[in-house]
Amino acid sequence: ISYKDLAADFIESENKAIIADIEKENEELVRLGKPLKNIPQYVSRVQLTEEAIEAAKAEMRAELIAEGKPEKVVDERIMPGKIARWIEDNCQLDKTHALLSQTYVMDDSMTVEEAIKACDESIELVEYVRFELGDGIEKKEEDFAAEVAAQMSQIKKVERWIVKTIQRVQLYFLIQK
């Protein structure tokens, strides 16, 4: 339900897999001459310690100041957005495997957890059922040859009806003469 429920060994294995996927995508982006995706250092909020966030803040702040941005603008306007984006980029596993961290479908500016809290602070999600697109839909399996045979029998019935109708019409006109 929450990113806190993810097992440490699962997070570590997924960390490697996500990085490998992004590196593969970046190879294709290089070939196409498009901008590359950032490779995250972490994949879950569980891995983000205060020290890691502070180190990222210091690195970003130093980069922005080196670019010549005024310190006041960097601290008040740029850093909050950059840190929020950095945290989002470093929580990819949470968005795919933890329900509360996923984007809320009805308003993509908030997570499921934020949407629940906006409804009522006292709501606590303890269990849920996950449905995949198409789950529960039974596909009717039909034999193609049997389907064609059924259609052919329908065609034969229609042909017999047409022949009988033509015969009746001819008989009607013979009687009229």
N, C-alpha and C. Protein backbone atom coordinates (compact mmCIF):
# COMPACT_ATOMS: atom_id res chain seq x y z
N ILE A 1 0.84 -1.18 0.00
CA ILE A 1 0.00 0.00 0.00
C ILE A 1 0.88 1.25 0.00
N SER A 2 1.87 1.27 0.87
CA SER A 2 2.75 2.43 1.00
C SER A 2 4.18 2.06 0.62
N TYR A 3 4.97 3.05 0.28
CA TYR A 3 6.38 2.78 -0.04
C TYR A 3 7.11 2.20 1.17
N LYS A 4 6.61 2.46 2.35
CA LYS A 4 7.23 1.94 3.57
C LYS A 4 7.09 0.42 3.67
N ASP A 5 6.12 -0.14 2.94
CA ASP A 5 5.88 -1.59 2.98
C ASP A 5 6.78 -2.37 2.03
N LEU A 6 7.54 -1.69 1.19
CA LEU A 6 8.41 -2.39 0.23
C LEU A 6 9.63 -2.97 0.94
N ALA A 7 9.96 -4.22 0.62
CA ALA A 7 11.10 -4.90 1.25
C ALA A 7 12.41 -4.33 0.71
N ALA A 8 13.42 -4.28 1.57
CA ALA A 8 14.73 -3.70 1.21
C ALA A 8 15.39 -4.45 0.05
N ASP A 9 15.33 -5.79 0.06
CA ASP A 9 15.96 -6.55 -1.03
C ASP A 9 15.22 -6.34 -2.34
N PHE A 10 13.90 -6.18 -2.27
CA PHE A 10 13.11 -5.88 -3.47
C PHE A 10 13.51 -4.52 -4.04
N ILE A 11 13.66 -3.54 -3.18
CA ILE A 11 14.04 -2.19 -3.60
C ILE A 11 15.41 -2.23 -4.26
N GLU A 12 16.35 -2.96 -3.67
CA GLU A 12 17.71 -3.04 -4.23
C GLU A 12 17.71 -3.70 -5.61
N SER A 13 16.97 -4.78 -5.77
CA SER A 13 16.93 -5.45 -7.07
C SER A 13 16.24 -4.58 -8.12
N GLU A 14 15.17 -3.91 -7.71
CA GLU A 14 14.46 -3.02 -8.64
C GLU A 14 15.31 -1.79 -8.99
N ASN A 15 16.14 -1.35 -8.05
CA ASN A 15 17.04 -0.22 -8.30
C ASN A 15 17.92 -0.53 -9.50
N LYS A 16 18.51 -1.72 -9.49
CA LYS A 16 19.37 -2.14 -10.60
C LYS A 16 18.59 -2.25 -11.90
N ALA A 17 17.38 -2.81 -11.82
CA ALA A 17 16.56 -3.00 -13.02
C ALA A 17 16.13 -1.66 -13.63
N ILE A 18 15.71 -0.74 -12.80
CA ILE A 18 15.26 0.57 -13.29
C ILE A 18 16.42 1.32 -13.93
N ILE A 19 17.58 1.28 -13.30
CA ILE A 19 18.77 1.95 -13.87
C ILE A 19 19.14 1.32 -15.21
N ALA A 20 19.07 0.00 -15.29
CA ALA A 20 19.38 -0.69 -16.55
C ALA A 20 18.39 -0.29 -17.64
N ASP A 21 17.10 -0.19 -17.30
CA ASP A 21 16.08 0.23 -18.27
C ASP A 21 16.35 1.64 -18.78
N ILE A 22 16.68 2.55 -17.88
CA ILE A 22 16.93 3.94 -18.27
C ILE A 22 18.17 4.03 -19.14
N GLU A 23 19.21 3.26 -18.79
CA GLU A 23 20.43 3.26 -19.61
C GLU A 23 20.13 2.75 -21.02
N LYS A 24 19.29 1.74 -21.12
CA LYS A 24 18.91 1.21 -22.44
C LYS A 24 18.13 2.25 -23.23
N GLU A 25 17.18 2.93 -22.56
CA GLU A 25 16.42 4.00 -23.22
C GLU A 25 17.34 5.12 -23.67
N ASN A 26 18.33 5.45 -22.84
CA ASN A 26 19.27 6.51 -23.19
C ASN A 26 20.10 6.16 -24.42
N GLU A 27 20.44 4.88 -24.59
CA GLU A 27 21.16 4.46 -25.79
C GLU A 27 20.35 4.78 -27.04
N GLU A 28 19.05 4.50 -26.97
CA GLU A 28 18.16 4.80 -28.10
C GLU A 28 18.03 6.31 -28.30
N LEU A 29 17.94 7.06 -27.21
CA LEU A 29 17.82 8.51 -27.30
C LEU A 29 19.08 9.13 -27.90
N VAL A 30 20.26 8.57 -27.57
CA VAL A 30 21.52 9.04 -28.16
C VAL A 30 21.48 8.81 -29.67
N ARG A 31 21.02 7.62 -30.05
CA ARG A 31 20.94 7.28 -31.48
C ARG A 31 20.01 8.24 -32.22
N LEU A 32 18.93 8.65 -31.55
CA LEU A 32 17.96 9.56 -32.17
C LEU A 32 18.34 11.03 -32.01
N GLY A 33 19.37 11.31 -31.21
CA GLY A 33 19.81 12.68 -31.00
C GLY A 33 18.88 13.46 -30.09
N LYS A 34 18.20 12.79 -29.18
CA LYS A 34 17.27 13.44 -28.27
C LYS A 34 17.92 13.59 -26.89
N PRO A 35 17.35 14.45 -26.03
CA PRO A 35 17.90 14.62 -24.67
C PRO A 35 17.77 13.33 -23.86
N LEU A 36 18.78 13.09 -23.05
CA LEU A 36 18.82 11.86 -22.26
C LEU A 36 18.02 12.00 -20.97
N LYS A 37 17.54 10.86 -20.46
CA LYS A 37 16.85 10.83 -19.18
C LYS A 37 17.89 10.79 -18.07
N ASN A 38 17.57 11.41 -16.94
CA ASN A 38 18.45 11.37 -15.78
C ASN A 38 18.42 9.98 -15.17
N ILE A 39 19.58 9.48 -14.81
CA ILE A 39 19.66 8.18 -14.15
C ILE A 39 19.62 8.46 -12.65
N PRO A 40 18.58 7.93 -11.96
CA PRO A 40 18.42 8.23 -10.54
C PRO A 40 19.44 7.49 -9.68
N GLN A 41 19.79 8.10 -8.56
CA GLN A 41 20.68 7.44 -7.60
C GLN A 41 19.87 6.46 -6.75
N TYR A 42 18.61 6.78 -6.54
CA TYR A 42 17.72 5.98 -5.71
C TYR A 42 16.44 5.70 -6.49
N VAL A 43 15.63 4.75 -5.99
CA VAL A 43 14.37 4.46 -6.67
C VAL A 43 13.17 4.52 -5.72
N SER A 44 13.41 4.64 -4.43
CA SER A 44 12.31 4.67 -3.46
C SER A 44 12.55 5.73 -2.40
N ARG A 45 11.48 6.25 -1.89
CA ARG A 45 11.54 7.25 -0.82
C ARG A 45 12.21 6.66 0.42
N VAL A 46 12.14 5.34 0.58
CA VAL A 46 12.79 4.67 1.71
C VAL A 46 14.30 4.94 1.69
N GLN A 47 14.87 5.00 0.50
CA GLN A 47 16.31 5.20 0.35
C GLN A 47 16.74 6.66 0.55
N LEU A 48 15.79 7.58 0.46
CA LEU A 48 16.12 9.00 0.56
C LEU A 48 16.23 9.43 2.02
N THR A 49 17.44 9.54 2.49
CA THR A 49 17.68 10.01 3.85
C THR A 49 17.79 11.53 3.82
N GLU A 50 17.72 12.14 4.98
CA GLU A 50 17.88 13.60 5.07
C GLU A 50 19.25 14.03 4.53
N GLU A 51 20.27 13.19 4.81
CA GLU A 51 21.62 13.50 4.32
C GLU A 51 21.66 13.50 2.79
N ALA A 52 20.99 12.53 2.18
CA ALA A 52 20.97 12.45 0.71
C ALA A 52 20.26 13.66 0.11
N ILE A 53 19.16 14.05 0.72
CA ILE A 53 18.41 15.22 0.23
C ILE A 53 19.23 16.49 0.41
N GLU A 54 19.87 16.65 1.56
CA GLU A 54 20.69 17.83 1.82
C GLU A 54 21.88 17.89 0.86
N ALA A 55 22.49 16.74 0.58
CA ALA A 55 23.61 16.70 -0.37
C ALA A 55 23.15 17.10 -1.77
N ALA A 56 21.96 16.62 -2.17
CA ALA A 56 21.42 16.99 -3.49
C ALA A 56 21.12 18.48 -3.54
N LYS A 57 20.55 19.02 -2.46
CA LYS A 57 20.26 20.46 -2.39
C LYS A 57 21.55 21.27 -2.55
N ALA A 58 22.59 20.88 -1.80
CA ALA A 58 23.85 21.61 -1.85
C ALA A 58 24.46 21.56 -3.25
N GLU A 59 24.40 20.38 -3.88
CA GLU A 59 24.94 20.23 -5.24
C GLU A 59 24.17 21.10 -6.24
N MET A 60 22.84 21.06 -6.15
CA MET A 60 22.02 21.87 -7.07
C MET A 60 22.23 23.36 -6.84
N ARG A 61 22.30 23.75 -5.59
CA ARG A 61 22.50 25.16 -5.26
C ARG A 61 23.84 25.66 -5.81
N ALA A 62 24.88 24.85 -5.62
CA ALA A 62 26.20 25.23 -6.13
C ALA A 62 26.18 25.35 -7.65
N GLU A 63 25.48 24.42 -8.32
CA GLU A 63 25.37 24.47 -9.79
C GLU A 63 24.68 25.75 -10.24
N LEU A 64 23.57 26.08 -9.59
CA LEU A 64 22.80 27.26 -9.98
C LEU A 64 23.58 28.55 -9.72
N ILE A 65 24.28 28.61 -8.62
CA ILE A 65 25.08 29.80 -8.31
C ILE A 65 26.24 29.92 -9.30
N ALA A 66 26.83 28.79 -9.68
CA ALA A 66 27.91 28.79 -10.68
C ALA A 66 27.39 29.29 -12.03
N GLU A 67 26.10 29.08 -12.30
CA GLU A 67 25.50 29.57 -13.55
C GLU A 67 25.23 31.06 -13.49
N GLY A 68 25.41 31.66 -12.31
CA GLY A 68 25.23 33.11 -12.17
C GLY A 68 23.85 33.53 -11.69
N LYS A 69 23.08 32.60 -11.18
CA LYS A 69 21.75 32.94 -10.67
C LYS A 69 21.90 33.62 -9.31
N PRO A 70 21.08 34.62 -9.02
CA PRO A 70 21.14 35.29 -7.71
C PRO A 70 20.73 34.33 -6.58
N GLU A 71 21.43 34.42 -5.45
CA GLU A 71 21.18 33.50 -4.33
C GLU A 71 19.75 33.56 -3.83
N LYS A 72 19.19 34.74 -3.76
CA LYS A 72 17.83 34.90 -3.26
C LYS A 72 16.84 34.16 -4.17
N VAL A 73 17.00 34.30 -5.47
CA VAL A 73 16.11 33.63 -6.44
C VAL A 73 16.31 32.12 -6.36
N VAL A 74 17.56 31.71 -6.23
CA VAL A 74 17.86 30.27 -6.14
C VAL A 74 17.17 29.68 -4.92
N ASP A 75 17.32 30.30 -3.75
CA ASP A 75 16.78 29.75 -2.51
C ASP A 75 15.26 29.80 -2.45
N GLU A 76 14.67 30.87 -2.94
CA GLU A 76 13.22 31.05 -2.78
C GLU A 76 12.39 30.44 -3.91
N ARG A 77 12.89 30.50 -5.12
CA ARG A 77 12.05 30.10 -6.25
C ARG A 77 12.51 28.82 -6.94
N ILE A 78 13.77 28.69 -7.18
CA ILE A 78 14.26 27.58 -8.00
C ILE A 78 14.42 26.30 -7.19
N MET A 79 15.03 26.38 -6.02
CA MET A 79 15.35 25.18 -5.24
C MET A 79 14.14 24.33 -4.84
N PRO A 80 13.03 24.93 -4.39
CA PRO A 80 11.89 24.08 -4.02
C PRO A 80 11.41 23.20 -5.19
N GLY A 81 11.32 23.77 -6.36
CA GLY A 81 10.90 23.00 -7.54
C GLY A 81 11.91 21.96 -7.94
N LYS A 82 13.20 22.33 -7.89
CA LYS A 82 14.26 21.39 -8.25
C LYS A 82 14.31 20.21 -7.29
N ILE A 83 14.17 20.48 -6.02
CA ILE A 83 14.20 19.40 -5.02
C ILE A 83 12.97 18.50 -5.18
N ALA A 84 11.81 19.11 -5.40
CA ALA A 84 10.60 18.30 -5.61
C ALA A 84 10.77 17.39 -6.82
N ARG A 85 11.34 17.92 -7.89
CA ARG A 85 11.58 17.13 -9.09
C ARG A 85 12.61 16.02 -8.83
N TRP A 86 13.67 16.35 -8.08
CA TRP A 86 14.70 15.36 -7.76
C TRP A 86 14.10 14.22 -6.94
N ILE A 87 13.27 14.57 -5.97
CA ILE A 87 12.62 13.53 -5.15
C ILE A 87 11.70 12.67 -6.02
N GLU A 88 10.95 13.30 -6.90
CA GLU A 88 10.06 12.56 -7.80
C GLU A 88 10.85 11.61 -8.71
N ASP A 89 11.96 12.10 -9.24
CA ASP A 89 12.80 11.26 -10.11
C ASP A 89 13.42 10.09 -9.34
N ASN A 90 13.66 10.28 -8.06
CA ASN A 90 14.30 9.25 -7.25
C ASN A 90 13.29 8.40 -6.46
N CYS A 91 12.03 8.43 -6.88
CA CYS A 91 10.99 7.61 -6.24
C CYS A 91 10.18 6.86 -7.30
N GLN A 92 10.82 6.45 -8.38
CA GLN A 92 10.11 5.80 -9.48
C GLN A 92 9.46 4.48 -9.06
N LEU A 93 10.12 3.72 -8.22
CA LEU A 93 9.59 2.44 -7.77
C LEU A 93 8.30 2.63 -6.98
N ASP A 94 8.27 3.66 -6.15
CA ASP A 94 7.08 3.94 -5.34
C ASP A 94 5.87 4.20 -6.23
N LYS A 95 6.08 4.94 -7.32
CA LYS A 95 4.96 5.28 -8.21
C LYS A 95 4.39 4.06 -8.92
N THR A 96 5.19 3.03 -9.10
CA THR A 96 4.68 1.85 -9.80
C THR A 96 4.21 0.75 -8.86
N HIS A 97 4.76 0.67 -7.65
CA HIS A 97 4.46 -0.46 -6.77
C HIS A 97 3.76 -0.09 -5.46
N ALA A 98 3.66 1.16 -5.12
CA ALA A 98 3.01 1.58 -3.88
C ALA A 98 1.79 2.43 -4.22
N LEU A 99 0.61 1.94 -3.91
CA LEU A 99 -0.64 2.60 -4.28
C LEU A 99 -0.69 4.06 -3.83
N LEU A 100 -0.34 4.32 -2.60
CA LEU A 100 -0.46 5.67 -2.06
C LEU A 100 0.47 6.67 -2.73
N SER A 101 1.54 6.20 -3.37
CA SER A 101 2.49 7.09 -4.04
C SER A 101 2.15 7.32 -5.51
N GLN A 102 1.16 6.61 -6.01
CA GLN A 102 0.81 6.73 -7.42
C GLN A 102 0.03 8.02 -7.67
N THR A 103 0.07 8.49 -8.89
CA THR A 103 -0.65 9.70 -9.27
C THR A 103 -2.15 9.42 -9.24
N TYR A 104 -2.89 10.33 -8.66
CA TYR A 104 -4.34 10.20 -8.57
C TYR A 104 -4.94 10.43 -9.95
N VAL A 105 -5.77 9.52 -10.39
CA VAL A 105 -6.29 9.54 -11.76
C VAL A 105 -7.14 10.77 -12.03
N MET A 106 -7.93 11.20 -11.06
CA MET A 106 -8.85 12.31 -11.27
C MET A 106 -8.16 13.68 -11.24
N ASP A 107 -6.96 13.74 -10.65
CA ASP A 107 -6.22 15.00 -10.58
C ASP A 107 -4.73 14.65 -10.52
N ASP A 108 -4.06 14.74 -11.65
CA ASP A 108 -2.68 14.26 -11.71
C ASP A 108 -1.67 15.17 -10.99
N SER A 109 -2.16 16.22 -10.36
CA SER A 109 -1.24 17.07 -9.59
C SER A 109 -1.07 16.55 -8.16
N MET A 110 -1.81 15.49 -7.79
CA MET A 110 -1.69 14.94 -6.44
C MET A 110 -1.57 13.43 -6.48
N THR A 111 -1.08 12.87 -5.39
CA THR A 111 -0.97 11.41 -5.27
C THR A 111 -2.27 10.85 -4.69
N VAL A 112 -2.40 9.54 -4.70
CA VAL A 112 -3.58 8.89 -4.12
C VAL A 112 -3.66 9.23 -2.63
N GLU A 113 -2.52 9.21 -1.96
CA GLU A 113 -2.50 9.53 -0.53
C GLU A 113 -3.01 10.95 -0.27
N GLU A 114 -2.57 11.91 -1.06
CA GLU A 114 -3.02 13.30 -0.90
C GLU A 114 -4.51 13.43 -1.20
N ALA A 115 -5.00 12.68 -2.19
CA ALA A 115 -6.43 12.73 -2.52
C ALA A 115 -7.27 12.16 -1.39
N ILE A 116 -6.80 11.09 -0.76
CA ILE A 116 -7.52 10.50 0.38
C ILE A 116 -7.55 11.50 1.53
N LYS A 117 -6.41 12.12 1.82
CA LYS A 117 -6.33 13.09 2.92
C LYS A 117 -7.20 14.31 2.63
N ALA A 118 -7.33 14.69 1.35
CA ALA A 118 -8.16 15.84 1.00
C ALA A 118 -9.64 15.54 1.26
N CYS A 119 -10.02 14.27 1.12
CA CYS A 119 -11.42 13.88 1.39
C CYS A 119 -11.70 13.90 2.89
N ASP A 120 -10.84 13.19 3.63
CA ASP A 120 -11.04 13.08 5.08
C ASP A 120 -9.73 12.61 5.72
N GLU A 121 -9.24 13.38 6.65
CA GLU A 121 -7.97 13.07 7.31
C GLU A 121 -8.01 11.73 8.06
N SER A 122 -9.20 11.30 8.48
CA SER A 122 -9.30 10.10 9.31
C SER A 122 -9.30 8.80 8.50
N ILE A 123 -9.40 8.90 7.17
CA ILE A 123 -9.42 7.69 6.34
C ILE A 123 -8.05 7.03 6.36
N GLU A 124 -8.06 5.72 6.60
CA GLU A 124 -6.82 4.95 6.56
C GLU A 124 -7.06 3.76 5.65
N LEU A 125 -6.25 3.64 4.63
CA LEU A 125 -6.36 2.54 3.68
C LEU A 125 -5.61 1.34 4.24
N VAL A 126 -6.30 0.22 4.42
CA VAL A 126 -5.66 -0.95 5.01
C VAL A 126 -5.53 -2.10 4.03
N GLU A 127 -6.34 -2.10 2.97
CA GLU A 127 -6.29 -3.18 2.00
C GLU A 127 -6.90 -2.69 0.70
N TYR A 128 -6.44 -3.25 -0.40
CA TYR A 128 -7.05 -2.94 -1.69
C TYR A 128 -6.87 -4.12 -2.63
N VAL A 129 -7.65 -4.12 -3.68
CA VAL A 129 -7.57 -5.17 -4.70
C VAL A 129 -7.13 -4.49 -5.99
N ARG A 130 -6.14 -5.07 -6.63
CA ARG A 130 -5.61 -4.49 -7.87
C ARG A 130 -6.22 -5.21 -9.06
N PHE A 131 -6.78 -4.43 -9.98
CA PHE A 131 -7.31 -4.98 -11.21
C PHE A 131 -6.44 -4.53 -12.37
N GLU A 132 -6.17 -5.42 -13.25
CA GLU A 132 -5.42 -5.10 -14.45
C GLU A 132 -6.42 -4.96 -15.59
N LEU A 133 -6.13 -4.12 -16.53
CA LEU A 133 -7.02 -3.91 -17.66
C LEU A 133 -7.35 -5.26 -18.30
N GLY A 134 -8.62 -5.58 -18.38
CA GLY A 134 -9.05 -6.83 -19.00
C GLY A 134 -9.26 -7.95 -18.01
N ASP A 135 -8.89 -7.76 -16.72
CA ASP A 135 -9.10 -8.80 -15.72
C ASP A 135 -10.59 -9.07 -15.57
N GLY A 136 -10.95 -10.33 -15.47
CA GLY A 136 -12.34 -10.71 -15.24
C GLY A 136 -13.17 -10.82 -16.50
N ILE A 137 -12.63 -10.41 -17.61
CA ILE A 137 -13.36 -10.51 -18.88
C ILE A 137 -13.06 -11.87 -19.49
N GLU A 138 -14.12 -12.64 -19.66
CA GLU A 138 -13.93 -13.96 -20.25
C GLU A 138 -14.04 -13.83 -21.76
N LYS A 139 -13.03 -14.31 -22.42
CA LYS A 139 -13.05 -14.29 -23.88
C LYS A 139 -13.77 -15.52 -24.37
N LYS A 140 -14.68 -15.32 -25.28
CA LYS A 140 -15.41 -16.42 -25.86
C LYS A 140 -14.52 -17.07 -26.91
N GLU A 141 -14.16 -18.30 -26.66
CA GLU A 141 -13.29 -19.03 -27.58
C GLU A 141 -14.17 -19.76 -28.59
N GLU A 142 -13.99 -19.44 -29.85
CA GLU A 142 -14.75 -20.13 -30.90
C GLU A 142 -13.79 -20.69 -31.93
N ASP A 143 -14.17 -21.83 -32.42
CA ASP A 143 -13.41 -22.46 -33.48
C ASP A 143 -13.73 -21.72 -34.78
N PHE A 144 -12.71 -21.25 -35.48
CA PHE A 144 -12.94 -20.47 -36.70
C PHE A 144 -13.71 -21.28 -37.73
N ALA A 145 -13.35 -22.56 -37.88
CA ALA A 145 -14.04 -23.41 -38.87
C ALA A 145 -15.52 -23.56 -38.49
N ALA A 146 -15.80 -23.71 -37.20
CA ALA A 146 -17.19 -23.85 -36.76
C ALA A 146 -17.95 -22.54 -37.00
N GLU A 147 -17.27 -21.42 -36.79
CA GLU A 147 -17.90 -20.12 -37.01
C GLU A 147 -18.25 -19.94 -38.49
N VAL A 148 -17.33 -20.32 -39.37
CA VAL A 148 -17.58 -20.23 -40.81
C VAL A 148 -18.72 -21.16 -41.21
N ALA A 149 -18.74 -22.37 -40.66
CA ALA A 149 -19.80 -23.32 -40.96
C ALA A 149 -21.16 -22.78 -40.51
N ALA A 150 -21.20 -22.13 -39.35
CA ALA A 150 -22.45 -21.55 -38.86
C ALA A 150 -22.93 -20.44 -39.78
N GLN A 151 -22.00 -19.61 -40.25
CA GLN A 151 -22.37 -18.54 -41.17
C GLN A 151 -22.86 -19.11 -42.51
N MET A 152 -22.22 -20.17 -42.96
CA MET A 152 -22.62 -20.80 -44.22
C MET A 152 -24.03 -21.39 -44.10
N SER A 153 -24.35 -21.99 -42.95
CA SER A 153 -25.70 -22.55 -42.78
C SER A 153 -26.73 -21.43 -42.78
N GLN A 154 -26.38 -20.27 -42.20
CA GLN A 154 -27.27 -19.12 -42.23
C GLN A 154 -27.49 -18.65 -43.67
N ILE A 155 -26.41 -18.62 -44.44
CA ILE A 155 -26.49 -18.20 -45.85
C ILE A 155 -27.40 -19.16 -46.62
N LYS A 156 -27.26 -20.47 -46.37
CA LYS A 156 -28.09 -21.47 -47.06
C LYS A 156 -29.56 -21.28 -46.71
N LYS A 157 -29.85 -20.96 -45.44
CA LYS A 157 -31.24 -20.71 -45.04
C LYS A 157 -31.80 -19.51 -45.78
N VAL A 158 -31.00 -18.46 -45.88
CA VAL A 158 -31.43 -17.25 -46.58
C VAL A 158 -31.64 -17.56 -48.06
N GLU A 159 -30.73 -18.32 -48.65
CA GLU A 159 -30.87 -18.70 -50.07
C GLU A 159 -32.17 -19.47 -50.29
N ARG A 160 -32.48 -20.44 -49.42
CA ARG A 160 -33.73 -21.21 -49.56
C ARG A 160 -34.94 -20.31 -49.44
N TRP A 161 -34.88 -19.34 -48.49
CA TRP A 161 -36.00 -18.42 -48.33
C TRP A 161 -36.18 -17.57 -49.59
N ILE A 162 -35.07 -17.10 -50.18
CA ILE A 162 -35.13 -16.29 -51.39
C ILE A 162 -35.73 -17.11 -52.54
N VAL A 163 -35.28 -18.36 -52.70
CA VAL A 163 -35.80 -19.22 -53.78
C VAL A 163 -37.30 -19.44 -53.61
N LYS A 164 -37.75 -19.73 -52.38
CA LYS A 164 -39.18 -19.94 -52.14
C LYS A 164 -39.98 -18.68 -52.43
N THR A 165 -39.42 -17.52 -52.03
CA THR A 165 -40.12 -16.26 -52.26
C THR A 165 -40.24 -15.99 -53.76
N ILE A 166 -39.19 -16.25 -54.51
CA ILE A 166 -39.22 -16.06 -55.97
C ILE A 166 -40.25 -16.99 -56.59
N GLN A 167 -40.29 -18.25 -56.13
CA GLN A 167 -41.27 -19.21 -56.66
C GLN A 167 -42.69 -18.74 -56.37
N ARG A 168 -42.94 -18.22 -55.18
CA ARG A 168 -44.28 -17.73 -54.84
C ARG A 168 -44.66 -16.55 -55.73
N VAL A 169 -43.70 -15.65 -55.95
CA VAL A 169 -43.98 -14.49 -56.80
C VAL A 169 -44.30 -14.95 -58.23
N GLN A 170 -43.51 -15.90 -58.76
CA GLN A 170 -43.75 -16.42 -60.11
C GLN A 170 -45.12 -17.08 -60.18
N LEU A 171 -45.44 -17.86 -59.15
CA LEU A 171 -46.74 -18.52 -59.11
C LEU A 171 -47.86 -17.49 -59.08
N TYR A 172 -47.69 -16.43 -58.33
CA TYR A 172 -48.68 -15.37 -58.23
C TYR A 172 -48.92 -14.75 -59.60
N PHE A 173 -47.81 -14.46 -60.33
CA PHE A 173 -47.96 -13.84 -61.65
C PHE A 173 -48.59 -14.83 -62.66
N LEU A 174 -48.34 -16.12 -62.54
CA LEU A 174 -48.94 -17.11 -63.43
C LEU A 174 -50.46 -17.17 -63.21
N ILE A 175 -50.83 -17.08 -61.93
CA ILE A 175 -52.26 -17.12 -61.60
C ILE A 175 -52.94 -15.84 -62.11
N GLN A 176 -52.27 -14.74 -62.08
CA GLN A 176 -52.82 -13.44 -62.51
C GLN A 176 -53.05 -13.41 -64.01
N LYS A 177 -52.31 -14.19 -64.78
CA LYS A 177 -52.45 -14.15 -66.24
C LYS A 177 -53.66 -14.86 -66.60
